[in-house]
Amino acid sequence: MSRSGPELAEIVRRYGPAYRSAVGAVLPLEHRRVLAAIEACRTARLGGHVDACDTCGHTAISYNSCRNRHCPKCQASARSRWVESRRAELLPVPYFHVVFTLPAPLAELALQNKRLFYGLLLSAASRTLLTIAADPKHLGARIGFLAVLHTWGQNLLHHPHLHCIVPGGGLSPDRRRWIACRPRFFLPVRVLSRLFRRVFLDGLAAASRAGRLRFFGSLAPLADPAALAAFTASLGRIEWVVYAKPPSVGPEHVLTYLGRYTHRVALSNSRILSLDDGAVAFRWKDYRHANRQRVMTLDAGEFLRRFLLHVLPRGFSRIRHYGLLANRHRASNLALCRALLTPPPSGTDPPAPEDSRPSVSSDTDTPPPAPRLCPVCHHAPLRRRPLLPTPWDTS
């Protein structure tokens, strides 16, 4: 569906050079790369191809995408491909959506130590879920789940939190039966919150002892171990937000959830309303006031600054699988879960795990794609030729 509002790429092209000039040498290299990629996305700078019809002379130029994971256009297409590849991994059980959120006082410190904090958030949340689920007092099973890191709030400020999509149950310790959770209840969020808080703060203390934390600006006093200890002690006295949404009702709903959270970027093009006189207006949802839809207007420079807060460290994986869904044994674990969830008819042997895996066809089994016909004359096939990129400056 077409839209009339401006896109992020247009804002970057118009105001990115001035922003880079104003910030100067302190602008991180990774931020420069993201701006350059979005600026060049789907333009002649990245090259492309030309589809031409030899019969009627029709030509159509398609430019290459930047494929940067912070580009809203590229992530929209990547999301649909990724979600479709997850379809075969769904189990016939309810799925729960569990969210782990860092307290607001940690947001600025996390911004100065992104790789450490984001990794600690993922490891603390995963350890919490696996530990509580394995406890016989709660579920007593080994579970698996998908975790997706988000770093933004609706107003584009820094708000690190983790979305976990979890099947409602897991394998028994002896791996001989499926243990389902209670209807519409997965694990007690108060218990999850307390353990998550303890594990995260323990990890933060260990990072401090190892000298891995950095402190700048207003946080420089926390470089003193006594000040940092007092700061973390105050965090241990407040409640940390962990909540679980009601379970999904079917596999298609799970796929909708996956698509909604896995490849989302800090701001989609659909939320940008206008770009007038150097000011960007965008929609945001005010969660503190009954999810009311509001409009925020920011100077283009401030808008770009907030957007760049959410650039991830180079090579950092924000989508991870844990437990039964960990990459190494995911296929065999899913096959076992399906066999236990759908027992064979009486008198027959259960299928071997390999039988539940999707078959892989060889290249010779895949028919070649049909040639695309010209959309004008509908007679001759289109002939494709590469379009070389034009030189461009990434400084």
Protein backbone atom coordinates (compact mmCIF):
# COMPACT_ATOMS: atom_id res chain seq x y z
CA MET A 1 0.00 0.00 0.00
CA SER A 2 1.40 3.40 -0.99
CA ARG A 3 1.82 6.19 1.51
CA SER A 4 2.19 9.94 1.14
CA GLY A 5 4.31 10.74 4.20
CA PRO A 6 8.09 11.08 4.20
CA GLU A 7 10.38 8.14 4.86
CA LEU A 8 13.40 7.80 7.09
CA ALA A 9 15.70 7.70 4.05
CA GLU A 10 14.42 11.12 2.94
CA ILE A 11 15.12 12.58 6.38
CA VAL A 12 18.63 11.11 6.38
CA ARG A 13 19.36 12.43 2.89
CA ARG A 14 18.17 15.93 3.70
CA TYR A 15 19.53 16.35 7.21
CA GLY A 16 22.15 13.63 7.62
CA PRO A 17 25.05 15.75 6.25
CA ALA A 18 24.26 18.64 8.62
CA TYR A 19 23.95 16.23 11.54
CA ARG A 20 27.29 14.58 10.77
CA SER A 21 28.91 17.99 10.48
CA ALA A 22 27.41 19.24 13.75
CA VAL A 23 28.41 16.17 15.75
CA GLY A 24 31.84 15.95 14.18
CA ALA A 25 34.50 13.41 15.11
CA VAL A 26 32.61 12.11 18.15
CA LEU A 27 30.00 10.48 15.90
CA PRO A 28 30.76 6.74 16.12
CA LEU A 29 31.85 4.98 12.95
CA GLU A 30 28.92 2.55 13.20
CA HIS A 31 26.48 5.48 13.25
CA ARG A 32 28.13 6.90 10.12
CA ARG A 33 27.77 3.54 8.41
CA VAL A 34 24.07 3.30 9.26
CA LEU A 35 23.38 6.82 7.97
CA ALA A 36 25.32 6.13 4.77
CA ALA A 37 23.51 2.82 4.19
CA ILE A 38 20.01 4.26 4.67
CA GLU A 39 20.90 7.29 2.56
CA ALA A 40 22.02 5.08 -0.33
CA CYS A 41 19.29 2.42 -0.01
CA ARG A 42 17.46 1.79 -3.29
CA THR A 43 19.41 4.45 -5.18
CA ALA A 44 21.91 4.31 -8.05
CA ARG A 45 24.70 4.46 -5.48
CA LEU A 46 24.25 0.78 -4.73
CA GLY A 47 23.66 -0.32 -8.31
CA GLY A 48 20.83 -2.54 -9.42
CA HIS A 49 19.51 -4.08 -12.61
CA VAL A 50 17.49 -3.20 -15.68
CA ASP A 51 14.67 -5.37 -17.01
CA ALA A 52 14.22 -4.74 -20.73
CA CYS A 53 11.78 -6.06 -23.33
CA ASP A 54 13.34 -6.59 -26.77
CA THR A 55 9.91 -6.54 -28.44
CA CYS A 56 8.28 -3.29 -27.28
CA GLY A 57 11.29 -1.55 -25.76
CA HIS A 58 9.88 -1.30 -22.24
CA THR A 59 12.53 -0.92 -19.51
CA ALA A 60 12.32 -0.87 -15.72
CA ILE A 61 15.14 -0.04 -13.32
CA SER A 62 15.34 -1.62 -9.87
CA TYR A 63 17.98 -0.40 -7.43
CA ASN A 64 19.58 -2.56 -4.78
CA SER A 65 18.70 -2.29 -1.09
CA CYS A 66 21.29 -1.57 1.62
CA ARG A 67 20.27 -4.62 3.71
CA ASN A 68 21.25 -2.78 6.87
CA ARG A 69 19.41 -4.16 9.89
CA HIS A 70 18.51 -0.65 11.05
CA CYS A 71 16.80 0.28 7.75
CA PRO A 72 13.00 0.03 8.03
CA LYS A 73 12.51 -0.78 4.34
CA CYS A 74 15.02 -3.61 4.29
CA GLN A 75 13.81 -5.11 7.56
CA ALA A 76 10.23 -5.25 6.32
CA SER A 77 11.19 -7.67 3.53
CA ALA A 78 13.68 -9.56 5.72
CA ARG A 79 10.97 -10.06 8.34
CA SER A 80 8.57 -11.84 6.00
CA ARG A 81 11.30 -14.23 4.80
CA TRP A 82 12.48 -14.98 8.35
CA VAL A 83 8.97 -15.53 9.72
CA GLU A 84 8.10 -17.90 6.89
CA SER A 85 11.21 -19.96 7.67
CA ARG A 86 10.01 -20.29 11.30
CA ARG A 87 6.61 -21.69 10.29
CA ALA A 88 7.85 -25.29 10.28
CA GLU A 89 9.23 -24.87 13.81
CA LEU A 90 5.92 -24.10 15.53
CA LEU A 91 4.51 -26.61 18.01
CA PRO A 92 0.75 -27.30 18.47
CA VAL A 93 0.63 -25.62 21.89
CA PRO A 94 -0.24 -22.16 23.23
CA TYR A 95 2.61 -19.65 23.11
CA PHE A 96 3.32 -17.07 25.79
CA HIS A 97 4.91 -13.65 25.37
CA VAL A 98 7.16 -12.74 28.33
CA VAL A 99 8.84 -9.32 28.54
CA PHE A 100 11.89 -8.45 30.67
CA THR A 101 12.57 -4.74 31.20
CA LEU A 102 15.57 -2.97 32.71
CA PRO A 103 14.77 -0.22 35.25
CA ALA A 104 14.97 3.35 33.95
CA PRO A 105 18.03 4.27 36.11
CA LEU A 106 20.06 1.70 34.14
CA ALA A 107 19.16 3.06 30.69
CA GLU A 108 21.92 5.70 30.50
CA LEU A 109 24.58 3.35 31.87
CA ALA A 110 23.45 0.72 29.36
CA LEU A 111 23.83 3.28 26.57
CA GLN A 112 27.47 3.76 27.52
CA ASN A 113 28.07 -0.02 27.71
CA LYS A 114 25.82 -1.41 25.00
CA ARG A 115 27.49 -4.71 24.21
CA LEU A 116 27.94 -5.64 27.86
CA PHE A 117 24.44 -4.62 28.99
CA TYR A 118 22.60 -6.14 26.05
CA GLY A 119 24.47 -9.41 26.42
CA LEU A 120 23.82 -9.42 30.16
CA LEU A 121 20.12 -8.73 29.62
CA LEU A 122 19.85 -11.70 27.25
CA SER A 123 21.81 -14.07 29.48
CA ALA A 124 20.04 -13.03 32.71
CA ALA A 125 16.56 -13.37 31.20
CA SER A 126 17.33 -16.73 29.57
CA ARG A 127 18.85 -18.13 32.76
CA THR A 128 15.82 -16.92 34.71
CA LEU A 129 13.28 -18.58 32.41
CA LEU A 130 15.20 -21.86 32.16
CA THR A 131 15.80 -22.04 35.93
CA ILE A 132 12.24 -21.29 37.09
CA ALA A 133 10.70 -23.55 34.44
CA ALA A 134 12.95 -26.45 35.49
CA ASP A 135 11.96 -26.08 39.15
CA PRO A 136 9.50 -28.87 40.08
CA LYS A 137 7.59 -26.35 42.23
CA HIS A 138 6.60 -24.51 39.05
CA LEU A 139 6.75 -26.44 35.76
CA GLY A 140 9.53 -29.01 36.19
CA ALA A 141 10.40 -29.07 32.51
CA ARG A 142 13.11 -28.00 30.10
CA ILE A 143 11.66 -25.31 27.88
CA GLY A 144 12.77 -23.52 24.74
CA PHE A 145 12.12 -19.99 23.54
CA LEU A 146 13.01 -17.18 21.18
CA ALA A 147 14.35 -13.90 22.63
CA VAL A 148 14.37 -10.59 20.75
CA LEU A 149 16.16 -7.49 22.03
CA HIS A 150 14.51 -4.08 21.68
CA THR A 151 16.24 -0.91 22.86
CA TRP A 152 13.63 1.78 22.24
CA GLY A 153 10.44 3.22 23.62
CA GLN A 154 7.73 4.71 21.43
CA ASN A 155 9.28 8.18 21.88
CA LEU A 156 12.65 6.86 20.57
CA LEU A 157 14.39 7.20 23.93
CA HIS A 158 16.64 4.43 25.20
CA HIS A 159 14.56 1.67 26.82
CA PRO A 160 16.26 -1.75 26.73
CA HIS A 161 13.89 -4.69 27.09
CA LEU A 162 13.54 -8.25 25.89
CA HIS A 163 10.61 -10.00 24.20
CA CYS A 164 10.51 -13.78 24.70
CA ILE A 165 8.13 -16.02 22.74
CA VAL A 166 7.78 -19.27 24.73
CA PRO A 167 5.82 -22.48 23.99
CA GLY A 168 3.51 -23.32 26.87
CA GLY A 169 5.35 -26.34 28.22
CA GLY A 170 8.51 -28.40 27.85
CA LEU A 171 10.17 -31.79 28.03
CA SER A 172 10.32 -33.76 31.26
CA PRO A 173 13.82 -34.30 32.73
CA ASP A 174 13.91 -37.84 31.28
CA ARG A 175 12.72 -36.49 27.86
CA ARG A 176 9.94 -39.11 27.74
CA ARG A 177 6.87 -36.84 28.02
CA TRP A 178 5.64 -33.34 27.34
CA ILE A 179 4.75 -31.30 30.42
CA ALA A 180 2.14 -28.65 29.64
CA CYS A 181 1.77 -25.52 31.72
CA ARG A 182 -1.52 -24.58 33.36
CA PRO A 183 -4.17 -23.06 31.08
CA ARG A 184 -3.48 -19.36 30.49
CA PHE A 185 -0.64 -19.38 33.05
CA PHE A 186 3.01 -19.96 32.34
CA LEU A 187 5.25 -19.01 35.29
CA PRO A 188 4.77 -16.60 38.24
CA VAL A 189 6.04 -13.20 37.14
CA ARG A 190 6.97 -12.14 40.69
CA VAL A 191 9.33 -15.12 40.97
CA LEU A 192 10.74 -14.39 37.51
CA SER A 193 11.27 -10.73 38.41
CA ARG A 194 13.15 -11.44 41.63
CA LEU A 195 15.52 -13.97 40.07
CA PHE A 196 16.06 -11.79 36.98
CA ARG A 197 17.01 -8.85 39.20
CA ARG A 198 19.47 -10.92 41.23
CA VAL A 199 21.12 -12.57 38.22
CA PHE A 200 21.49 -9.28 36.35
CA LEU A 201 22.93 -7.38 39.32
CA ASP A 202 25.33 -10.24 40.05
CA GLY A 203 26.51 -10.07 36.46
CA LEU A 204 26.87 -6.31 36.66
CA ALA A 205 28.98 -6.61 39.82
CA ALA A 206 31.20 -9.20 38.15
CA ALA A 207 31.69 -6.90 35.13
CA SER A 208 32.63 -4.06 37.48
CA ARG A 209 35.21 -6.17 39.30
CA ALA A 210 36.69 -7.14 35.94
CA GLY A 211 36.98 -3.48 34.93
CA ARG A 212 34.62 -3.88 31.95
CA LEU A 213 32.30 -0.95 32.73
CA ARG A 214 32.79 2.54 31.29
CA PHE A 215 31.45 5.75 32.82
CA PHE A 216 31.17 9.11 31.05
CA GLY A 217 29.58 12.48 31.70
CA SER A 218 27.14 12.60 34.58
CA LEU A 219 27.85 8.93 35.34
CA ALA A 220 31.57 9.45 35.88
CA PRO A 221 31.19 9.35 39.72
CA LEU A 222 30.04 5.72 39.43
CA ALA A 223 33.60 4.79 38.53
CA ASP A 224 34.20 4.82 42.30
CA PRO A 225 33.44 1.25 43.51
CA ALA A 226 31.63 2.52 46.63
CA ALA A 227 29.37 4.78 44.54
CA LEU A 228 28.60 1.97 42.12
CA ALA A 229 27.84 -0.41 45.00
CA ALA A 230 25.38 2.09 46.48
CA PHE A 231 23.79 2.57 43.04
CA THR A 232 23.28 -1.15 42.45
CA ALA A 233 22.03 -1.61 46.03
CA SER A 234 19.28 0.94 45.32
CA LEU A 235 18.31 -1.05 42.22
CA GLY A 236 18.00 -4.17 44.35
CA ARG A 237 15.33 -2.50 46.48
CA ILE A 238 12.92 -1.73 43.64
CA GLU A 239 10.69 -4.06 41.65
CA TRP A 240 11.88 -4.94 38.16
CA VAL A 241 9.19 -5.23 35.51
CA VAL A 242 8.59 -8.69 34.10
CA TYR A 243 5.18 -9.47 32.64
CA ALA A 244 3.56 -12.21 30.60
CA LYS A 245 0.84 -11.57 28.05
CA PRO A 246 -2.03 -14.03 27.58
CA PRO A 247 -1.19 -17.05 25.42
CA SER A 248 -1.77 -17.01 21.69
CA VAL A 249 -4.66 -18.98 20.25
CA GLY A 250 -2.99 -20.59 17.25
CA PRO A 251 0.11 -20.92 15.08
CA GLU A 252 -0.85 -18.08 12.75
CA HIS A 253 -1.17 -15.75 15.73
CA VAL A 254 2.32 -16.81 16.82
CA LEU A 255 3.66 -15.94 13.38
CA THR A 256 2.02 -12.53 13.66
CA TYR A 257 3.79 -12.04 16.97
CA LEU A 258 7.11 -13.15 15.49
CA GLY A 259 6.75 -10.71 12.62
CA ARG A 260 5.79 -7.93 14.97
CA TYR A 261 8.88 -8.19 17.16
CA THR A 262 11.77 -9.91 15.41
CA HIS A 263 12.79 -7.43 12.71
CA ARG A 264 11.25 -4.24 14.04
CA VAL A 265 13.50 -1.18 13.99
CA ALA A 266 13.31 1.84 16.26
CA LEU A 267 10.90 3.66 13.95
CA SER A 268 8.96 2.37 10.96
CA ASN A 269 8.21 4.60 7.99
CA SER A 270 4.49 4.24 8.63
CA ARG A 271 4.81 6.23 11.87
CA ILE A 272 6.44 9.26 10.23
CA LEU A 273 3.78 11.86 9.49
CA SER A 274 5.54 14.94 8.14
CA LEU A 275 8.83 16.71 7.52
CA ASP A 276 8.40 20.49 7.52
CA ASP A 277 10.98 23.24 8.04
CA GLY A 278 13.50 20.90 9.62
CA ALA A 279 10.99 19.32 12.04
CA VAL A 280 9.92 15.66 11.99
CA ALA A 281 6.49 14.66 13.28
CA PHE A 282 5.74 11.02 14.09
CA ARG A 283 3.08 8.97 15.87
CA TRP A 284 3.77 7.34 19.19
CA LYS A 285 1.77 5.34 21.69
CA ASP A 286 1.65 6.70 25.24
CA TYR A 287 1.64 3.56 27.39
CA ARG A 288 1.33 5.58 30.59
CA HIS A 289 -2.01 7.02 29.51
CA ALA A 290 -4.10 4.08 28.26
CA ASN A 291 -2.02 3.58 25.09
CA ARG A 292 -3.26 6.88 23.71
CA GLN A 293 -1.99 7.76 20.24
CA ARG A 294 -0.03 11.01 20.26
CA VAL A 295 2.11 13.01 17.84
CA MET A 296 5.65 14.09 18.72
CA THR A 297 7.53 16.74 16.76
CA LEU A 298 11.33 16.89 16.96
CA ASP A 299 14.02 18.93 15.30
CA ALA A 300 15.56 16.80 12.54
CA GLY A 301 18.90 16.73 14.34
CA GLU A 302 17.32 15.54 17.59
CA PHE A 303 15.25 13.02 15.64
CA LEU A 304 18.39 11.54 14.07
CA ARG A 305 20.17 11.54 17.44
CA ARG A 306 17.37 9.53 19.03
CA PHE A 307 17.20 7.13 16.11
CA LEU A 308 20.94 6.48 16.30
CA LEU A 309 20.70 5.66 20.02
CA HIS A 310 19.46 2.26 18.89
CA VAL A 311 22.29 1.29 16.56
CA LEU A 312 23.50 -2.07 17.82
CA PRO A 313 27.17 -2.94 18.36
CA ARG A 314 28.73 -4.38 15.24
CA GLY A 315 28.11 -8.12 14.97
CA PHE A 316 25.77 -8.25 17.97
CA SER A 317 22.94 -10.78 17.52
CA ARG A 318 19.63 -9.43 18.80
CA ILE A 319 17.56 -12.55 17.98
CA ARG A 320 18.58 -15.66 19.91
CA HIS A 321 17.19 -19.12 20.66
CA TYR A 322 17.54 -20.87 24.02
CA GLY A 323 16.87 -24.20 25.68
CA LEU A 324 15.12 -26.70 23.43
CA LEU A 325 15.25 -24.21 20.57
CA ALA A 326 19.00 -23.59 20.75
CA ASN A 327 20.43 -23.85 17.26
CA ARG A 328 22.61 -26.95 17.72
CA HIS A 329 19.82 -29.40 18.69
CA ARG A 330 16.71 -27.52 17.57
CA ALA A 331 15.65 -29.94 14.81
CA SER A 332 15.93 -33.09 16.93
CA ASN A 333 14.26 -31.45 19.96
CA LEU A 334 11.34 -30.21 17.87
CA ALA A 335 10.90 -33.66 16.33
CA LEU A 336 10.81 -35.23 19.78
CA CYS A 337 8.32 -32.63 21.06
CA ARG A 338 5.99 -33.23 18.12
CA ALA A 339 6.16 -36.99 18.61
CA LEU A 340 5.22 -36.60 22.28
CA LEU A 341 2.47 -34.06 21.56
CA THR A 342 0.89 -36.16 18.80
CA PRO A 343 1.26 -39.82 19.88
CA PRO A 344 0.91 -42.43 17.11
CA PRO A 345 -2.17 -44.70 16.92
CA SER A 346 -2.24 -47.68 19.25
CA GLY A 347 -0.03 -50.55 18.14
CA THR A 348 2.34 -48.47 16.02
CA ASP A 349 5.82 -47.32 16.75
CA PRO A 350 6.45 -43.59 17.20
CA PRO A 351 8.13 -41.95 14.22
CA ALA A 352 11.86 -41.49 14.29
CA PRO A 353 12.96 -37.91 14.86
CA GLU A 354 14.30 -37.69 11.33
CA ASP A 355 10.82 -38.43 9.93
CA SER A 356 9.52 -35.16 11.43
CA ARG A 357 12.12 -32.99 9.78
CA PRO A 358 11.20 -31.20 6.56
CA SER A 359 12.66 -32.90 3.54
CA VAL A 360 15.32 -31.12 1.54
CA SER A 361 15.14 -31.37 -2.21
CA SER A 362 18.23 -31.42 -4.36
CA ASP A 363 18.89 -28.72 -6.90
CA THR A 364 17.83 -31.08 -9.68
CA ASP A 365 14.35 -31.41 -8.10
CA THR A 366 13.69 -27.68 -8.21
CA PRO A 367 12.25 -26.48 -11.51
CA PRO A 368 13.82 -23.34 -12.96
CA PRO A 369 11.80 -20.16 -12.42
CA ALA A 370 9.51 -19.17 -15.24
CA PRO A 371 10.71 -16.15 -17.24
CA ARG A 372 8.99 -12.87 -16.40
CA LEU A 373 6.87 -11.53 -19.22
CA CYS A 374 6.86 -7.88 -20.15
CA PRO A 375 4.07 -6.09 -18.23
CA VAL A 376 3.38 -3.86 -21.26
CA CYS A 377 3.18 -6.13 -24.29
CA HIS A 378 2.62 -9.37 -22.30
CA HIS A 379 4.42 -11.26 -25.02
CA ALA A 380 8.20 -11.31 -24.75
CA PRO A 381 10.22 -12.26 -21.66
CA LEU A 382 12.14 -9.53 -19.88
CA ARG A 383 15.90 -9.57 -20.27
CA ARG A 384 17.83 -8.57 -17.16
CA ARG A 385 21.19 -6.83 -17.15
CA PRO A 386 23.18 -5.42 -14.23
CA LEU A 387 23.30 -1.73 -13.48
CA LEU A 388 26.66 -0.67 -12.08
CA PRO A 389 26.70 1.52 -8.96
CA THR A 390 27.79 5.14 -9.14
CA PRO A 391 30.68 6.29 -6.93
CA TRP A 392 29.60 7.72 -3.58
CA ASP A 393 31.20 9.17 -0.49
CA THR A 394 30.70 7.42 2.88
CA SER A 395 32.62 9.95 4.97
